[in-house]
Amino acid sequence: MKLRQAALVPALAAVALAVPLSLSTPASAAASCGTTVSDKDGSSWGKTANGANERSGSSTGCAIKGIAYNTQALDYHCYTWGSDYSWTFVRNDATGVTGWIRDDLLSDGGSSVWCGF
């Protein structure tokens, strides 16, 4: 039994050290309602959403500014995290409206460039 405990202690220590490192990815900080960002994502346009709300912040509690349809090209600016989803700030090429759309509603899962907040 003591041999098992002796082997377990270093393993637990390794896990304890690894956990903070795995949490060093972008912080979970929602974009407050009214937050806009510059275009940080240089990828090509042509991304779409099928009837997704474009919101003023990365929360379903923020106002709807427009709706993005699958016939409209979107320009991704960057992504951040809301309370439980990642969100991408987009500019709708057809309407000119900018807003936040949940990444699971975008044709390719959203921007891969983090907004920095």
Protein backbone atom coordinates (compact mmCIF):
# COMPACT_ATOMS: atom_id res chain seq x y z
CA MET A 1 0.00 0.00 0.00
CA LYS A 2 2.80 2.44 0.80
CA LEU A 3 4.36 1.76 -2.60
CA ARG A 4 1.11 2.74 -4.31
CA GLN A 5 0.93 5.95 -2.29
CA ALA A 6 4.55 6.75 -3.09
CA ALA A 7 3.81 6.38 -6.81
CA LEU A 8 0.57 8.33 -6.54
CA VAL A 9 2.07 11.47 -4.98
CA PRO A 10 4.32 12.37 -7.94
CA ALA A 11 1.48 11.64 -10.36
CA LEU A 12 -0.88 13.97 -8.47
CA ALA A 13 1.82 16.64 -8.33
CA ALA A 14 2.26 16.40 -12.12
CA VAL A 15 -1.49 16.79 -12.64
CA ALA A 16 -1.61 19.78 -10.27
CA LEU A 17 1.17 21.46 -12.23
CA ALA A 18 -0.42 20.71 -15.62
CA VAL A 19 -3.86 22.10 -14.78
CA PRO A 20 -2.81 25.77 -14.60
CA LEU A 21 -0.92 25.37 -17.88
CA SER A 22 -3.99 24.00 -19.65
CA LEU A 23 -6.01 26.96 -18.40
CA SER A 24 -3.67 29.48 -19.99
CA THR A 25 -5.71 29.60 -23.20
CA PRO A 26 -7.72 32.77 -23.93
CA ALA A 27 -9.68 33.90 -20.90
CA SER A 28 -13.41 33.56 -20.87
CA ALA A 29 -14.44 37.22 -21.12
CA ALA A 30 -17.65 38.05 -22.91
CA ALA A 31 -17.89 41.12 -25.10
CA SER A 32 -20.26 43.46 -23.32
CA CYS A 33 -23.31 44.67 -25.20
CA GLY A 34 -22.19 47.45 -27.54
CA THR A 35 -18.65 46.10 -27.99
CA THR A 36 -17.16 46.36 -31.49
CA VAL A 37 -13.70 45.28 -32.65
CA SER A 38 -11.43 45.97 -35.59
CA ASP A 39 -10.82 43.34 -38.25
CA LYS A 40 -8.03 41.13 -36.89
CA ASP A 41 -8.86 38.08 -39.02
CA GLY A 42 -7.38 38.35 -42.51
CA SER A 43 -9.06 35.20 -43.83
CA SER A 44 -11.13 35.32 -47.00
CA TRP A 45 -14.78 36.22 -46.97
CA GLY A 46 -17.56 33.88 -47.97
CA LYS A 47 -18.47 32.46 -44.57
CA THR A 48 -22.19 32.21 -43.92
CA ALA A 49 -24.85 31.62 -41.28
CA ASN A 50 -28.38 30.37 -41.79
CA GLY A 51 -30.67 32.87 -40.10
CA ALA A 52 -28.36 33.69 -37.17
CA ASN A 53 -28.87 36.79 -35.06
CA GLU A 54 -26.10 39.39 -35.17
CA ARG A 55 -25.97 40.78 -31.63
CA SER A 56 -24.41 43.85 -30.02
CA GLY A 57 -22.33 41.67 -27.66
CA SER A 58 -21.40 38.03 -27.08
CA SER A 59 -24.54 37.12 -25.15
CA THR A 60 -28.11 36.25 -26.07
CA GLY A 61 -29.06 39.02 -23.65
CA CYS A 62 -27.62 41.65 -26.01
CA ALA A 63 -29.77 43.41 -28.60
CA ILE A 64 -30.20 41.92 -32.07
CA LYS A 65 -28.70 44.25 -34.71
CA GLY A 66 -29.48 42.11 -37.75
CA ILE A 67 -29.84 38.59 -39.11
CA ALA A 68 -27.26 36.78 -41.25
CA TYR A 69 -28.55 34.40 -43.90
CA ASN A 70 -26.77 31.70 -45.91
CA THR A 71 -26.94 33.86 -49.05
CA GLN A 72 -24.93 36.65 -47.38
CA ALA A 73 -21.13 36.62 -47.12
CA LEU A 74 -19.65 37.42 -43.72
CA ASP A 75 -16.27 38.96 -42.90
CA TYR A 76 -14.89 37.57 -39.63
CA HIS A 77 -13.03 40.00 -37.37
CA CYS A 78 -12.13 37.80 -34.34
CA TYR A 79 -13.67 35.60 -31.62
CA THR A 80 -14.13 35.70 -27.87
CA TRP A 81 -15.95 33.64 -25.27
CA GLY A 82 -19.37 34.27 -23.81
CA SER A 83 -20.62 32.48 -20.73
CA ASP A 84 -20.84 29.11 -22.49
CA TYR A 85 -20.15 29.57 -26.21
CA SER A 86 -17.50 31.16 -28.38
CA TRP A 87 -18.68 34.09 -30.49
CA THR A 88 -17.28 35.73 -33.64
CA PHE A 89 -17.59 39.42 -34.46
CA VAL A 90 -18.65 39.68 -38.11
CA ARG A 91 -19.46 42.24 -40.74
CA ASN A 92 -22.31 41.19 -43.01
CA ASP A 93 -21.15 42.08 -46.54
CA ALA A 94 -24.72 42.29 -47.90
CA THR A 95 -26.12 44.60 -45.21
CA GLY A 96 -23.05 46.27 -43.71
CA VAL A 97 -24.25 45.34 -40.23
CA THR A 98 -21.61 44.28 -37.71
CA GLY A 99 -22.34 42.08 -34.74
CA TRP A 100 -21.55 39.01 -32.68
CA ILE A 101 -22.73 35.56 -33.80
CA ARG A 102 -22.37 32.35 -31.82
CA ASP A 103 -19.74 30.19 -33.51
CA ASP A 104 -21.92 27.08 -33.59
CA LEU A 105 -24.28 28.98 -35.93
CA LEU A 106 -21.58 29.87 -38.47
CA SER A 107 -20.87 27.70 -41.52
CA ASP A 108 -17.32 26.85 -40.49
CA GLY A 109 -17.37 27.37 -36.72
CA GLY A 110 -16.23 31.00 -36.68
CA SER A 111 -12.98 32.92 -36.60
CA SER A 112 -9.74 31.34 -35.44
CA VAL A 113 -8.27 34.70 -34.40
CA TRP A 114 -8.80 35.62 -30.75
CA CYS A 115 -9.98 39.20 -30.04
CA GLY A 116 -7.71 39.46 -27.01
CA PHE A 117 -10.39 39.74 -24.33
